[in-house]
Amino acid sequence: MIEPEEIQQMLQTRFDGAEVTVQDMTGTRDHFEAVIVWPGFRGKSLIDQHQLVNGALSGPLNDGRIHALKIKTIVS
């Protein structure tokens, strides 16, 4: 299990200057929704944007602390 605040911090570290919100979708601390608003997504495909997010969270995704992640990326 992982806290939403820890995920938010990881994403804010990776995407400098981004507006990041993370919500625990089930209360079990392993199903999350992340919304990242960042100008660096400009010109990147949706798949590339989501791959960047998955890469930033590879540790908890690979070790099972994040079981499910819904991603919404927005170009600011």
C-alpha atoms as a PDB file:
ATOM      1  CA  MET A   1       0.000   0.000   0.000  1.00  0.00           C
ATOM      2  CA  ILE A   2       1.044   3.559  -0.668  1.00  0.00           C
ATOM      3  CA  GLU A   3      -0.375   6.912   0.342  1.00  0.00           C
ATOM      4  CA  PRO A   4      -1.791   9.260  -2.327  1.00  0.00           C
ATOM      5  CA  GLU A   5       0.508  12.008  -1.048  1.00  0.00           C
ATOM      6  CA  GLU A   6       3.557   9.857  -1.783  1.00  0.00           C
ATOM      7  CA  ILE A   7       2.387   9.302  -5.359  1.00  0.00           C
ATOM      8  CA  GLN A   8       1.689  13.015  -5.725  1.00  0.00           C
ATOM      9  CA  GLN A   9       5.206  13.842  -4.526  1.00  0.00           C
ATOM     10  CA  MET A  10       6.766  11.350  -6.952  1.00  0.00           C
ATOM     11  CA  LEU A  11       4.847  12.880  -9.855  1.00  0.00           C
ATOM     12  CA  GLN A  12       5.620  16.460  -8.842  1.00  0.00           C
ATOM     13  CA  THR A  13       9.303  15.563  -8.633  1.00  0.00           C
ATOM     14  CA  ARG A  14       9.253  14.035 -12.137  1.00  0.00           C
ATOM     15  CA  PHE A  15       7.047  16.694 -13.746  1.00  0.00           C
ATOM     16  CA  ASP A  16       8.545  19.922 -12.426  1.00  0.00           C
ATOM     17  CA  GLY A  17       5.959  22.675 -12.175  1.00  0.00           C
ATOM     18  CA  ALA A  18       3.017  20.339 -12.782  1.00  0.00           C
ATOM     19  CA  GLU A  19      -0.314  20.570 -11.034  1.00  0.00           C
ATOM     20  CA  VAL A  20      -0.890  17.060  -9.672  1.00  0.00           C
ATOM     21  CA  THR A  21      -3.862  15.557  -7.865  1.00  0.00           C
ATOM     22  CA  VAL A  22      -4.063  11.946  -6.728  1.00  0.00           C
ATOM     23  CA  GLN A  23      -7.174  10.280  -5.361  1.00  0.00           C
ATOM     24  CA  ASP A  24      -7.535   6.894  -3.665  1.00  0.00           C
ATOM     25  CA  MET A  25     -10.450   5.411  -5.607  1.00  0.00           C
ATOM     26  CA  THR A  26     -11.403   2.596  -3.216  1.00  0.00           C
ATOM     27  CA  GLY A  27      -9.979   3.458   0.195  1.00  0.00           C
ATOM     28  CA  THR A  28      -7.606   0.486   0.014  1.00  0.00           C
ATOM     29  CA  ARG A  29      -4.525   2.550  -0.925  1.00  0.00           C
ATOM     30  CA  ASP A  30      -3.793   0.542  -4.069  1.00  0.00           C
ATOM     31  CA  HIS A  31      -6.317   1.869  -6.661  1.00  0.00           C
ATOM     32  CA  PHE A  32      -5.673   5.473  -7.680  1.00  0.00           C
ATOM     33  CA  GLU A  33      -6.595   8.188 -10.114  1.00  0.00           C
ATOM     34  CA  ALA A  34      -3.900  10.722 -11.001  1.00  0.00           C
ATOM     35  CA  VAL A  35      -4.471  13.982 -12.864  1.00  0.00           C
ATOM     36  CA  ILE A  36      -1.334  15.738 -14.103  1.00  0.00           C
ATOM     37  CA  VAL A  37      -1.473  19.183 -15.725  1.00  0.00           C
ATOM     38  CA  TRP A  38       1.920  19.980 -17.248  1.00  0.00           C
ATOM     39  CA  PRO A  39       3.145  22.023 -20.222  1.00  0.00           C
ATOM     40  CA  GLY A  40       5.794  19.396 -20.995  1.00  0.00           C
ATOM     41  CA  PHE A  41       3.097  17.104 -22.407  1.00  0.00           C
ATOM     42  CA  ARG A  42       2.676  19.470 -25.369  1.00  0.00           C
ATOM     43  CA  GLY A  43       3.450  17.702 -28.649  1.00  0.00           C
ATOM     44  CA  LYS A  44       3.455  14.226 -27.085  1.00  0.00           C
ATOM     45  CA  SER A  45       0.869  11.587 -27.933  1.00  0.00           C
ATOM     46  CA  LEU A  46      -1.484  10.391 -25.204  1.00  0.00           C
ATOM     47  CA  ILE A  47       0.374   7.076 -25.128  1.00  0.00           C
ATOM     48  CA  ASP A  48       3.705   8.865 -24.665  1.00  0.00           C
ATOM     49  CA  GLN A  49       2.223  11.017 -21.895  1.00  0.00           C
ATOM     50  CA  HIS A  50       0.920   7.972 -20.039  1.00  0.00           C
ATOM     51  CA  GLN A  51       4.213   6.128 -20.499  1.00  0.00           C
ATOM     52  CA  LEU A  52       5.986   9.058 -18.836  1.00  0.00           C
ATOM     53  CA  VAL A  53       3.597   8.845 -15.880  1.00  0.00           C
ATOM     54  CA  ASN A  54       3.983   5.068 -15.621  1.00  0.00           C
ATOM     55  CA  GLY A  55       7.761   5.491 -15.745  1.00  0.00           C
ATOM     56  CA  ALA A  56       7.673   8.007 -12.908  1.00  0.00           C
ATOM     57  CA  LEU A  57       5.756   5.475 -10.808  1.00  0.00           C
ATOM     58  CA  SER A  58       7.574   2.333 -11.958  1.00  0.00           C
ATOM     59  CA  GLY A  59       8.737   1.446  -8.445  1.00  0.00           C
ATOM     60  CA  PRO A  60       5.318   1.178  -6.775  1.00  0.00           C
ATOM     61  CA  LEU A  61       3.719  -0.179  -9.960  1.00  0.00           C
ATOM     62  CA  ASN A  62       6.294  -2.976 -10.219  1.00  0.00           C
ATOM     63  CA  ASP A  63       6.308  -3.908  -6.536  1.00  0.00           C
ATOM     64  CA  GLY A  64       2.503  -4.026  -6.328  1.00  0.00           C
ATOM     65  CA  ARG A  65       1.895  -1.057  -4.044  1.00  0.00           C
ATOM     66  CA  ILE A  66      -0.140   0.416  -6.905  1.00  0.00           C
ATOM     67  CA  HIS A  67      -2.517  -2.220  -8.255  1.00  0.00           C
ATOM     68  CA  ALA A  68      -4.543   0.049 -10.554  1.00  0.00           C
ATOM     69  CA  LEU A  69      -3.880   3.548 -11.845  1.00  0.00           C
ATOM     70  CA  LYS A  70      -6.260   5.714 -13.859  1.00  0.00           C
ATOM     71  CA  ILE A  71      -4.276   8.475 -15.564  1.00  0.00           C
ATOM     72  CA  LYS A  72      -5.520  11.786 -16.920  1.00  0.00           C
ATOM     73  CA  THR A  73      -2.930  14.060 -18.495  1.00  0.00           C
ATOM     74  CA  ILE A  74      -3.645  17.641 -19.518  1.00  0.00           C
ATOM     75  CA  VAL A  75      -1.403  20.061 -21.396  1.00  0.00           C
ATOM     76  CA  SER A  76      -1.305  23.384 -19.565  1.00  0.00           C
END
